[in-house]
Every structure is written in C-alpha cells, then in structure tokens.
Amino acid sequence: LYLQMNNLKPEDTAMYYCAADIVGRTS
C-alpha cells in the first residue's frame, strides 16, 4: 500500500500508520 503526499504542511506532522480491515468495508 502507498500514500503519496504532496504539498506537505506543518499540520501533517504525525506518526503515520497503515491498517487493514479484512471484512472489506467501504473506504
């Protein structure tokens, strides 16, 4: 899985996590 992040802002500062929903609910 990828996350392309452009035009980053100071408020984007954070720990970023990926996660999986095996039930497959909507995005």
mmCIF file of all heavy atoms, coordinates in Angstrom:
data_MODEL
# 
_entry.id   MODEL 
# 
loop_
_atom_site.group_PDB 
_atom_site.id 
_atom_site.type_symbol 
_atom_site.label_atom_id 
_atom_site.label_alt_id 
_atom_site.label_comp_id 
_atom_site.label_asym_id 
_atom_site.label_entity_id 
_atom_site.label_seq_id 
_atom_site.pdbx_PDB_ins_code 
_atom_site.Cartn_x 
_atom_site.Cartn_y 
_atom_site.Cartn_z 
_atom_site.occupancy 
_atom_site.B_iso_or_equiv 
_atom_site.pdbx_formal_charge 
_atom_site.auth_seq_id 
_atom_site.auth_comp_id 
_atom_site.auth_asym_id 
_atom_site.auth_atom_id 
_atom_site.pdbx_PDB_model_num 
ATOM 1   N N   . LEU A 1 1  ? 0.848   -1.179  0.000  1.00 0.00 ? 1  LEU A N   1 
ATOM 2   C CA  . LEU A 1 1  ? 0.000   0.000   0.000  1.00 0.00 ? 1  LEU A CA  1 
ATOM 3   C C   . LEU A 1 1  ? 0.891   1.240   0.000  1.00 0.00 ? 1  LEU A C   1 
ATOM 4   O O   . LEU A 1 1  ? 1.942   1.253   0.649  1.00 0.00 ? 1  LEU A O   1 
ATOM 5   C CB  . LEU A 1 1  ? -0.882  -0.005  1.251  1.00 0.00 ? 1  LEU A CB  1 
ATOM 6   C CG  . LEU A 1 1  ? -1.862  1.145   1.448  1.00 0.00 ? 1  LEU A CG  1 
ATOM 7   C CD1 . LEU A 1 1  ? -3.046  0.997   0.504  1.00 0.00 ? 1  LEU A CD1 1 
ATOM 8   C CD2 . LEU A 1 1  ? -2.327  1.187   2.902  1.00 0.00 ? 1  LEU A CD2 1 
ATOM 9   N N   . TYR A 1 2  ? 0.463   2.297   -0.700 1.00 0.00 ? 2  TYR A N   1 
ATOM 10  C CA  . TYR A 1 2  ? 1.244   3.518   -0.799 1.00 0.00 ? 2  TYR A CA  1 
ATOM 11  C C   . TYR A 1 2  ? 0.397   4.727   -0.420 1.00 0.00 ? 2  TYR A C   1 
ATOM 12  O O   . TYR A 1 2  ? -0.824  4.737   -0.572 1.00 0.00 ? 2  TYR A O   1 
ATOM 13  C CB  . TYR A 1 2  ? 1.758   3.725   -2.225 1.00 0.00 ? 2  TYR A CB  1 
ATOM 14  C CG  . TYR A 1 2  ? 2.596   2.590   -2.746 1.00 0.00 ? 2  TYR A CG  1 
ATOM 15  C CD1 . TYR A 1 2  ? 2.043   1.612   -3.561 1.00 0.00 ? 2  TYR A CD1 1 
ATOM 16  C CD2 . TYR A 1 2  ? 3.947   2.490   -2.426 1.00 0.00 ? 2  TYR A CD2 1 
ATOM 17  C CE1 . TYR A 1 2  ? 2.807   0.566   -4.045 1.00 0.00 ? 2  TYR A CE1 1 
ATOM 18  C CE2 . TYR A 1 2  ? 4.719   1.448   -2.900 1.00 0.00 ? 2  TYR A CE2 1 
ATOM 19  C CZ  . TYR A 1 2  ? 4.143   0.488   -3.713 1.00 0.00 ? 2  TYR A CZ  1 
ATOM 20  O OH  . TYR A 1 2  ? 4.910   -0.550  -4.192 1.00 0.00 ? 2  TYR A OH  1 
ATOM 21  N N   . LEU A 1 3  ? 1.080   5.755   0.055  1.00 0.00 ? 3  LEU A N   1 
ATOM 22  C CA  . LEU A 1 3  ? 0.465   7.058   0.251  1.00 0.00 ? 3  LEU A CA  1 
ATOM 23  C C   . LEU A 1 3  ? 1.425   8.106   -0.292 1.00 0.00 ? 3  LEU A C   1 
ATOM 24  O O   . LEU A 1 3  ? 2.475   8.358   0.303  1.00 0.00 ? 3  LEU A O   1 
ATOM 25  C CB  . LEU A 1 3  ? 0.155   7.326   1.726  1.00 0.00 ? 3  LEU A CB  1 
ATOM 26  C CG  . LEU A 1 3  ? -0.589  8.628   2.006  1.00 0.00 ? 3  LEU A CG  1 
ATOM 27  C CD1 . LEU A 1 3  ? -2.010  8.560   1.444  1.00 0.00 ? 3  LEU A CD1 1 
ATOM 28  C CD2 . LEU A 1 3  ? -0.628  8.938   3.499  1.00 0.00 ? 3  LEU A CD2 1 
ATOM 29  N N   . GLN A 1 4  ? 1.073   8.690   -1.431 1.00 0.00 ? 4  GLN A N   1 
ATOM 30  C CA  . GLN A 1 4  ? 1.841   9.785   -1.993 1.00 0.00 ? 4  GLN A CA  1 
ATOM 31  C C   . GLN A 1 4  ? 1.350   11.078  -1.369 1.00 0.00 ? 4  GLN A C   1 
ATOM 32  O O   . GLN A 1 4  ? 0.168   11.403  -1.469 1.00 0.00 ? 4  GLN A O   1 
ATOM 33  C CB  . GLN A 1 4  ? 1.680   9.836   -3.512 1.00 0.00 ? 4  GLN A CB  1 
ATOM 34  C CG  . GLN A 1 4  ? 2.436   10.969  -4.188 1.00 0.00 ? 4  GLN A CG  1 
ATOM 35  C CD  . GLN A 1 4  ? 3.929   10.824  -4.078 1.00 0.00 ? 4  GLN A CD  1 
ATOM 36  O OE1 . GLN A 1 4  ? 4.460   9.747   -4.319 1.00 0.00 ? 4  GLN A OE1 1 
ATOM 37  N NE2 . GLN A 1 4  ? 4.611   11.893  -3.705 1.00 0.00 ? 4  GLN A NE2 1 
ATOM 38  N N   . MET A 1 5  ? 2.242   11.807  -0.738 1.00 0.00 ? 5  MET A N   1 
ATOM 39  C CA  . MET A 1 5  ? 1.902   13.029  -0.026 1.00 0.00 ? 5  MET A CA  1 
ATOM 40  C C   . MET A 1 5  ? 2.637   14.195  -0.679 1.00 0.00 ? 5  MET A C   1 
ATOM 41  O O   . MET A 1 5  ? 3.871   14.247  -0.662 1.00 0.00 ? 5  MET A O   1 
ATOM 42  C CB  . MET A 1 5  ? 2.271   12.924  1.454  1.00 0.00 ? 5  MET A CB  1 
ATOM 43  C CG  . MET A 1 5  ? 1.665   11.706  2.144  1.00 0.00 ? 5  MET A CG  1 
ATOM 44  S SD  . MET A 1 5  ? 1.948   11.708  3.933  1.00 0.00 ? 5  MET A SD  1 
ATOM 45  C CE  . MET A 1 5  ? 3.736   11.543  3.972  1.00 0.00 ? 5  MET A CE  1 
ATOM 46  N N   . ASN A 1 6  ? 1.880   15.124  -1.247 1.00 0.00 ? 6  ASN A N   1 
ATOM 47  C CA  . ASN A 1 6  ? 2.436   16.299  -1.905 1.00 0.00 ? 6  ASN A CA  1 
ATOM 48  C C   . ASN A 1 6  ? 2.007   17.561  -1.179 1.00 0.00 ? 6  ASN A C   1 
ATOM 49  O O   . ASN A 1 6  ? 1.020   17.569  -0.443 1.00 0.00 ? 6  ASN A O   1 
ATOM 50  C CB  . ASN A 1 6  ? 1.969   16.364  -3.361 1.00 0.00 ? 6  ASN A CB  1 
ATOM 51  C CG  . ASN A 1 6  ? 2.445   15.204  -4.189 1.00 0.00 ? 6  ASN A CG  1 
ATOM 52  O OD1 . ASN A 1 6  ? 3.528   14.665  -3.969 1.00 0.00 ? 6  ASN A OD1 1 
ATOM 53  N ND2 . ASN A 1 6  ? 1.637   14.802  -5.167 1.00 0.00 ? 6  ASN A ND2 1 
ATOM 54  N N   . ASN A 1 7  ? 2.745   18.645  -1.416 1.00 0.00 ? 7  ASN A N   1 
ATOM 55  C CA  . ASN A 1 7  ? 2.440   19.939  -0.806 1.00 0.00 ? 7  ASN A CA  1 
ATOM 56  C C   . ASN A 1 7  ? 2.221   19.797  0.700  1.00 0.00 ? 7  ASN A C   1 
ATOM 57  O O   . ASN A 1 7  ? 1.230   20.267  1.256  1.00 0.00 ? 7  ASN A O   1 
ATOM 58  C CB  . ASN A 1 7  ? 1.218   20.572  -1.474 1.00 0.00 ? 7  ASN A CB  1 
ATOM 59  C CG  . ASN A 1 7  ? 1.018   22.021  -1.082 1.00 0.00 ? 7  ASN A CG  1 
ATOM 60  O OD1 . ASN A 1 7  ? 1.963   22.708  -0.684 1.00 0.00 ? 7  ASN A OD1 1 
ATOM 61  N ND2 . ASN A 1 7  ? -0.223  22.494  -1.176 1.00 0.00 ? 7  ASN A ND2 1 
ATOM 62  N N   . LEU A 1 8  ? 3.170   19.164  1.351  1.00 0.00 ? 8  LEU A N   1 
ATOM 63  C CA  . LEU A 1 8  ? 3.036   18.896  2.777  1.00 0.00 ? 8  LEU A CA  1 
ATOM 64  C C   . LEU A 1 8  ? 3.027   20.175  3.594  1.00 0.00 ? 8  LEU A C   1 
ATOM 65  O O   . LEU A 1 8  ? 3.693   21.159  3.260  1.00 0.00 ? 8  LEU A O   1 
ATOM 66  C CB  . LEU A 1 8  ? 4.170   17.987  3.231  1.00 0.00 ? 8  LEU A CB  1 
ATOM 67  C CG  . LEU A 1 8  ? 3.998   16.529  2.792  1.00 0.00 ? 8  LEU A CG  1 
ATOM 68  C CD1 . LEU A 1 8  ? 5.327   15.795  2.817  1.00 0.00 ? 8  LEU A CD1 1 
ATOM 69  C CD2 . LEU A 1 8  ? 2.979   15.829  3.688  1.00 0.00 ? 8  LEU A CD2 1 
ATOM 70  N N   . LYS A 1 9  ? 2.259   20.135  4.678  1.00 0.00 ? 9  LYS A N   1 
ATOM 71  C CA  . LYS A 1 9  ? 2.082   21.267  5.565  1.00 0.00 ? 9  LYS A CA  1 
ATOM 72  C C   . LYS A 1 9  ? 2.521   20.898  6.974  1.00 0.00 ? 9  LYS A C   1 
ATOM 73  O O   . LYS A 1 9  ? 2.518   19.716  7.330  1.00 0.00 ? 9  LYS A O   1 
ATOM 74  C CB  . LYS A 1 9  ? 0.609   21.691  5.587  1.00 0.00 ? 9  LYS A CB  1 
ATOM 75  C CG  . LYS A 1 9  ? 0.050   22.060  4.228  1.00 0.00 ? 9  LYS A CG  1 
ATOM 76  C CD  . LYS A 1 9  ? -1.434  22.394  4.318  1.00 0.00 ? 9  LYS A CD  1 
ATOM 77  C CE  . LYS A 1 9  ? -1.986  22.781  2.968  1.00 0.00 ? 9  LYS A CE  1 
ATOM 78  N NZ  . LYS A 1 9  ? -3.431  23.112  3.049  1.00 0.00 ? 9  LYS A NZ  1 
ATOM 79  N N   . PRO A 1 10 ? 2.876   21.877  7.804  1.00 0.00 ? 10 PRO A N   1 
ATOM 80  C CA  . PRO A 1 10 ? 3.285   21.551  9.172  1.00 0.00 ? 10 PRO A CA  1 
ATOM 81  C C   . PRO A 1 10 ? 2.239   20.735  9.928  1.00 0.00 ? 10 PRO A C   1 
ATOM 82  O O   . PRO A 1 10 ? 2.608   19.877  10.740 1.00 0.00 ? 10 PRO A O   1 
ATOM 83  C CB  . PRO A 1 10 ? 3.485   22.928  9.812  1.00 0.00 ? 10 PRO A CB  1 
ATOM 84  C CG  . PRO A 1 10 ? 3.889   23.794  8.675  1.00 0.00 ? 10 PRO A CG  1 
ATOM 85  C CD  . PRO A 1 10 ? 3.069   23.306  7.505  1.00 0.00 ? 10 PRO A CD  1 
ATOM 86  N N   . GLU A 1 11 ? 0.965   20.965  9.671  1.00 0.00 ? 11 GLU A N   1 
ATOM 87  C CA  . GLU A 1 11 ? -0.079  20.219  10.357 1.00 0.00 ? 11 GLU A CA  1 
ATOM 88  C C   . GLU A 1 11 ? -0.163  18.756  9.933  1.00 0.00 ? 11 GLU A C   1 
ATOM 89  O O   . GLU A 1 11 ? -0.906  17.981  10.540 1.00 0.00 ? 11 GLU A O   1 
ATOM 90  C CB  . GLU A 1 11 ? -1.443  20.895  10.181 1.00 0.00 ? 11 GLU A CB  1 
ATOM 91  C CG  . GLU A 1 11 ? -1.802  21.186  8.735  1.00 0.00 ? 11 GLU A CG  1 
ATOM 92  C CD  . GLU A 1 11 ? -1.497  22.619  8.327  1.00 0.00 ? 11 GLU A CD  1 
ATOM 93  O OE1 . GLU A 1 11 ? -0.405  23.117  8.676  1.00 0.00 ? 11 GLU A OE1 1 
ATOM 94  O OE2 . GLU A 1 11 ? -2.349  23.247  7.664  1.00 0.00 ? 11 GLU A OE2 1 
ATOM 95  N N   . ASP A 1 12 ? 0.589   18.359  8.905  1.00 0.00 ? 12 ASP A N   1 
ATOM 96  C CA  . ASP A 1 12 ? 0.671   16.955  8.527  1.00 0.00 ? 12 ASP A CA  1 
ATOM 97  C C   . ASP A 1 12 ? 1.643   16.172  9.404  1.00 0.00 ? 12 ASP A C   1 
ATOM 98  O O   . ASP A 1 12 ? 1.707   14.943  9.294  1.00 0.00 ? 12 ASP A O   1 
ATOM 99  C CB  . ASP A 1 12 ? 1.098   16.813  7.065  1.00 0.00 ? 12 ASP A CB  1 
ATOM 100 C CG  . ASP A 1 12 ? 0.083   17.381  6.096  1.00 0.00 ? 12 ASP A CG  1 
ATOM 101 O OD1 . ASP A 1 12 ? -1.131  17.168  6.300  1.00 0.00 ? 12 ASP A OD1 1 
ATOM 102 O OD2 . ASP A 1 12 ? 0.503   18.034  5.126  1.00 0.00 ? 12 ASP A OD2 1 
ATOM 103 N N   . THR A 1 13 ? 2.398   16.855  10.243 1.00 0.00 ? 13 THR A N   1 
ATOM 104 C CA  . THR A 1 13 ? 3.351   16.190  11.123 1.00 0.00 ? 13 THR A CA  1 
ATOM 105 C C   . THR A 1 13 ? 2.625   15.214  12.042 1.00 0.00 ? 13 THR A C   1 
ATOM 106 O O   . THR A 1 13 ? 1.694   15.587  12.756 1.00 0.00 ? 13 THR A O   1 
ATOM 107 C CB  . THR A 1 13 ? 4.118   17.217  11.958 1.00 0.00 ? 13 THR A CB  1 
ATOM 108 O OG1 . THR A 1 13 ? 4.925   18.017  11.090 1.00 0.00 ? 13 THR A OG1 1 
ATOM 109 C CG2 . THR A 1 13 ? 5.017   16.531  12.979 1.00 0.00 ? 13 THR A CG2 1 
ATOM 110 N N   . ALA A 1 14 ? 3.042   13.948  12.016 1.00 0.00 ? 14 ALA A N   1 
ATOM 111 C CA  . ALA A 1 14 ? 2.378   12.909  12.799 1.00 0.00 ? 14 ALA A CA  1 
ATOM 112 C C   . ALA A 1 14 ? 3.098   11.589  12.589 1.00 0.00 ? 14 ALA A C   1 
ATOM 113 O O   . ALA A 1 14 ? 3.925   11.444  11.689 1.00 0.00 ? 14 ALA A O   1 
ATOM 114 C CB  . ALA A 1 14 ? 0.911   12.765  12.387 1.00 0.00 ? 14 ALA A CB  1 
ATOM 115 N N   . MET A 1 15 ? 2.745   10.616  13.426 1.00 0.00 ? 15 MET A N   1 
ATOM 116 C CA  . MET A 1 15 ? 3.095   9.238   13.160 1.00 0.00 ? 15 MET A CA  1 
ATOM 117 C C   . MET A 1 15 ? 2.023   8.676   12.232 1.00 0.00 ? 15 MET A C   1 
ATOM 118 O O   . MET A 1 15 ? 0.824   8.799   12.528 1.00 0.00 ? 15 MET A O   1 
ATOM 119 C CB  . MET A 1 15 ? 3.167   8.437   14.455 1.00 0.00 ? 15 MET A CB  1 
ATOM 120 C CG  . MET A 1 15 ? 3.639   7.007   14.271 1.00 0.00 ? 15 MET A CG  1 
ATOM 121 S SD  . MET A 1 15 ? 5.411   6.886   13.912 1.00 0.00 ? 15 MET A SD  1 
ATOM 122 C CE  . MET A 1 15 ? 6.081   7.250   15.536 1.00 0.00 ? 15 MET A CE  1 
ATOM 123 N N   . TYR A 1 16 ? 2.439   8.082   11.128 1.00 0.00 ? 16 TYR A N   1 
ATOM 124 C CA  . TYR A 1 16 ? 1.517   7.536   10.143 1.00 0.00 ? 16 TYR A CA  1 
ATOM 125 C C   . TYR A 1 16 ? 1.495   6.022   10.222 1.00 0.00 ? 16 TYR A C   1 
ATOM 126 O O   . TYR A 1 16 ? 2.546   5.377   10.249 1.00 0.00 ? 16 TYR A O   1 
ATOM 127 C CB  . TYR A 1 16 ? 1.911   7.974   8.733  1.00 0.00 ? 16 TYR A CB  1 
ATOM 128 C CG  . TYR A 1 16 ? 1.520   9.400   8.433  1.00 0.00 ? 16 TYR A CG  1 
ATOM 129 C CD1 . TYR A 1 16 ? 2.191   10.460  9.028  1.00 0.00 ? 16 TYR A CD1 1 
ATOM 130 C CD2 . TYR A 1 16 ? 0.465   9.686   7.562  1.00 0.00 ? 16 TYR A CD2 1 
ATOM 131 C CE1 . TYR A 1 16 ? 1.823   11.771  8.776  1.00 0.00 ? 16 TYR A CE1 1 
ATOM 132 C CE2 . TYR A 1 16 ? 0.095   10.991  7.297  1.00 0.00 ? 16 TYR A CE2 1 
ATOM 133 C CZ  . TYR A 1 16 ? 0.777   12.033  7.909  1.00 0.00 ? 16 TYR A CZ  1 
ATOM 134 O OH  . TYR A 1 16 ? 0.407   13.337  7.647  1.00 0.00 ? 16 TYR A OH  1 
ATOM 135 N N   . TYR A 1 17 ? 0.300   5.452   10.239 1.00 0.00 ? 17 TYR A N   1 
ATOM 136 C CA  . TYR A 1 17 ? 0.097   4.024   10.355 1.00 0.00 ? 17 TYR A CA  1 
ATOM 137 C C   . TYR A 1 17 ? -0.732  3.506   9.182  1.00 0.00 ? 17 TYR A C   1 
ATOM 138 O O   . TYR A 1 17 ? -1.651  4.179   8.719  1.00 0.00 ? 17 TYR A O   1 
ATOM 139 C CB  . TYR A 1 17 ? -0.674  3.678   11.638 1.00 0.00 ? 17 TYR A CB  1 
ATOM 140 C CG  . TYR A 1 17 ? -0.047  4.162   12.913 1.00 0.00 ? 17 TYR A CG  1 
ATOM 141 C CD1 . TYR A 1 17 ? -0.319  5.427   13.410 1.00 0.00 ? 17 TYR A CD1 1 
ATOM 142 C CD2 . TYR A 1 17 ? 0.809   3.335   13.639 1.00 0.00 ? 17 TYR A CD2 1 
ATOM 143 C CE1 . TYR A 1 17 ? 0.247   5.866   14.593 1.00 0.00 ? 17 TYR A CE1 1 
ATOM 144 C CE2 . TYR A 1 17 ? 1.373   3.769   14.823 1.00 0.00 ? 17 TYR A CE2 1 
ATOM 145 C CZ  . TYR A 1 17 ? 1.093   5.037   15.301 1.00 0.00 ? 17 TYR A CZ  1 
ATOM 146 O OH  . TYR A 1 17 ? 1.649   5.468   16.473 1.00 0.00 ? 17 TYR A OH  1 
ATOM 147 N N   . CYS A 1 18 ? -0.433  2.304   8.729  1.00 0.00 ? 18 CYS A N   1 
ATOM 148 C CA  . CYS A 1 18 ? -1.343  1.633   7.824  1.00 0.00 ? 18 CYS A CA  1 
ATOM 149 C C   . CYS A 1 18 ? -2.087  0.554   8.582  1.00 0.00 ? 18 CYS A C   1 
ATOM 150 O O   . CYS A 1 18 ? -1.620  0.044   9.607  1.00 0.00 ? 18 CYS A O   1 
ATOM 151 C CB  . CYS A 1 18 ? -0.626  1.052   6.598  1.00 0.00 ? 18 CYS A CB  1 
ATOM 152 S SG  . CYS A 1 18 ? 0.471   -0.338  6.909  1.00 0.00 ? 18 CYS A SG  1 
ATOM 153 N N   . ALA A 1 19 ? -3.268  0.212   8.098  1.00 0.00 ? 19 ALA A N   1 
ATOM 154 C CA  . ALA A 1 19 ? -4.096  -0.784  8.752  1.00 0.00 ? 19 ALA A CA  1 
ATOM 155 C C   . ALA A 1 19 ? -4.984  -1.476  7.728  1.00 0.00 ? 19 ALA A C   1 
ATOM 156 O O   . ALA A 1 19 ? -5.270  -0.928  6.663  1.00 0.00 ? 19 ALA A O   1 
ATOM 157 C CB  . ALA A 1 19 ? -4.948  -0.139  9.845  1.00 0.00 ? 19 ALA A CB  1 
ATOM 158 N N   . ALA A 1 20 ? -5.425  -2.678  8.073  1.00 0.00 ? 20 ALA A N   1 
ATOM 159 C CA  . ALA A 1 20 ? -6.241  -3.495  7.191  1.00 0.00 ? 20 ALA A CA  1 
ATOM 160 C C   . ALA A 1 20 ? -7.543  -3.885  7.852  1.00 0.00 ? 20 ALA A C   1 
ATOM 161 O O   . ALA A 1 20 ? -7.558  -4.303  9.012  1.00 0.00 ? 20 ALA A O   1 
ATOM 162 C CB  . ALA A 1 20 ? -5.485  -4.754  6.779  1.00 0.00 ? 20 ALA A CB  1 
ATOM 163 N N   . ASP A 1 21 ? -8.631  -3.751  7.101  1.00 0.00 ? 21 ASP A N   1 
ATOM 164 C CA  . ASP A 1 21 ? -9.946  -4.230  7.508  1.00 0.00 ? 21 ASP A CA  1 
ATOM 165 C C   . ASP A 1 21 ? -10.236 -5.467  6.672  1.00 0.00 ? 21 ASP A C   1 
ATOM 166 O O   . ASP A 1 21 ? -10.547 -5.352  5.485  1.00 0.00 ? 21 ASP A O   1 
ATOM 167 C CB  . ASP A 1 21 ? -10.997 -3.153  7.285  1.00 0.00 ? 21 ASP A CB  1 
ATOM 168 C CG  . ASP A 1 21 ? -12.419 -3.635  7.506  1.00 0.00 ? 21 ASP A CG  1 
ATOM 169 O OD1 . ASP A 1 21 ? -12.608 -4.732  8.074  1.00 0.00 ? 21 ASP A OD1 1 
ATOM 170 O OD2 . ASP A 1 21 ? -13.354 -2.911  7.110  1.00 0.00 ? 21 ASP A OD2 1 
ATOM 171 N N   . ILE A 1 22 ? -10.152 -6.640  7.272  1.00 0.00 ? 22 ILE A N   1 
ATOM 172 C CA  . ILE A 1 22 ? -10.323 -7.865  6.495  1.00 0.00 ? 22 ILE A CA  1 
ATOM 173 C C   . ILE A 1 22 ? -11.767 -8.102  6.097  1.00 0.00 ? 22 ILE A C   1 
ATOM 174 O O   . ILE A 1 22 ? -12.028 -8.882  5.182  1.00 0.00 ? 22 ILE A O   1 
ATOM 175 C CB  . ILE A 1 22 ? -9.766  -9.089  7.237  1.00 0.00 ? 22 ILE A CB  1 
ATOM 176 C CG1 . ILE A 1 22 ? -10.539 -9.356  8.534  1.00 0.00 ? 22 ILE A CG1 1 
ATOM 177 C CG2 . ILE A 1 22 ? -8.287  -8.923  7.510  1.00 0.00 ? 22 ILE A CG2 1 
ATOM 178 C CD1 . ILE A 1 22 ? -10.144 -10.654 9.208  1.00 0.00 ? 22 ILE A CD1 1 
ATOM 179 N N   . VAL A 1 23 ? -12.711 -7.437  6.741  1.00 0.00 ? 23 VAL A N   1 
ATOM 180 C CA  . VAL A 1 23 ? -14.109 -7.540  6.347  1.00 0.00 ? 23 VAL A CA  1 
ATOM 181 C C   . VAL A 1 23 ? -14.328 -6.857  5.003  1.00 0.00 ? 23 VAL A C   1 
ATOM 182 O O   . VAL A 1 23 ? -15.215 -7.232  4.242  1.00 0.00 ? 23 VAL A O   1 
ATOM 183 C CB  . VAL A 1 23 ? -15.029 -6.944  7.424  1.00 0.00 ? 23 VAL A CB  1 
ATOM 184 C CG1 . VAL A 1 23 ? -16.483 -6.913  6.958  1.00 0.00 ? 23 VAL A CG1 1 
ATOM 185 C CG2 . VAL A 1 23 ? -14.906 -7.738  8.707  1.00 0.00 ? 23 VAL A CG2 1 
ATOM 186 N N   . GLY A 1 24 ? -13.527 -5.867  4.692  1.00 0.00 ? 24 GLY A N   1 
ATOM 187 C CA  . GLY A 1 24 ? -13.612 -5.190  3.412  1.00 0.00 ? 24 GLY A CA  1 
ATOM 188 C C   . GLY A 1 24 ? -14.721 -4.162  3.333  1.00 0.00 ? 24 GLY A C   1 
ATOM 189 O O   . GLY A 1 24 ? -15.398 -4.059  2.314  1.00 0.00 ? 24 GLY A O   1 
ATOM 190 N N   . ARG A 1 25 ? -14.888 -3.374  4.382  1.00 0.00 ? 25 ARG A N   1 
ATOM 191 C CA  . ARG A 1 25 ? -15.872 -2.300  4.380  1.00 0.00 ? 25 ARG A CA  1 
ATOM 192 C C   . ARG A 1 25 ? -15.446 -1.179  3.443  1.00 0.00 ? 25 ARG A C   1 
ATOM 193 O O   . ARG A 1 25 ? -14.317 -1.158  2.951  1.00 0.00 ? 25 ARG A O   1 
ATOM 194 C CB  . ARG A 1 25 ? -16.093 -1.784  5.802  1.00 0.00 ? 25 ARG A CB  1 
ATOM 195 C CG  . ARG A 1 25 ? -16.767 -2.816  6.718  1.00 0.00 ? 25 ARG A CG  1 
ATOM 196 C CD  . ARG A 1 25 ? -16.877 -2.318  8.133  1.00 0.00 ? 25 ARG A CD  1 
ATOM 197 N NE  . ARG A 1 25 ? -15.568 -2.130  8.736  1.00 0.00 ? 25 ARG A NE  1 
ATOM 198 C CZ  . ARG A 1 25 ? -15.362 -1.561  9.915  1.00 0.00 ? 25 ARG A CZ  1 
ATOM 199 N NH1 . ARG A 1 25 ? -16.402 -1.110  10.619 1.00 0.00 ? 25 ARG A NH1 1 
ATOM 200 N NH2 . ARG A 1 25 ? -14.142 -1.439  10.383 1.00 0.00 ? 25 ARG A NH2 1 
ATOM 201 N N   . THR A 1 26 ? -16.329 -0.248  3.219  1.00 0.00 ? 26 THR A N   1 
ATOM 202 C CA  . THR A 1 26 ? -16.077 0.801   2.249  1.00 0.00 ? 26 THR A CA  1 
ATOM 203 C C   . THR A 1 26 ? -15.007 1.766   2.737  1.00 0.00 ? 26 THR A C   1 
ATOM 204 O O   . THR A 1 26 ? -14.804 1.958   3.939  1.00 0.00 ? 26 THR A O   1 
ATOM 205 C CB  . THR A 1 26 ? -17.350 1.576   1.935  1.00 0.00 ? 26 THR A CB  1 
ATOM 206 O OG1 . THR A 1 26 ? -17.890 2.124   3.143  1.00 0.00 ? 26 THR A OG1 1 
ATOM 207 C CG2 . THR A 1 26 ? -18.381 0.661   1.294  1.00 0.00 ? 26 THR A CG2 1 
ATOM 208 N N   . SER A 1 27 ? -14.337 2.397   1.792  1.00 0.00 ? 27 SER A N   1 
ATOM 209 C CA  . SER A 1 27 ? -13.244 3.291   2.122  1.00 0.00 ? 27 SER A CA  1 
ATOM 210 C C   . SER A 1 27 ? -13.708 4.501   2.913  1.00 0.00 ? 27 SER A C   1 
ATOM 211 O O   . SER A 1 27 ? -12.975 4.991   3.778  1.00 0.00 ? 27 SER A O   1 
ATOM 212 C CB  . SER A 1 27 ? -12.517 3.733   0.852  1.00 0.00 ? 27 SER A CB  1 
ATOM 213 O OG  . SER A 1 27 ? -13.398 4.376   -0.056 1.00 0.00 ? 27 SER A OG  1 
# 
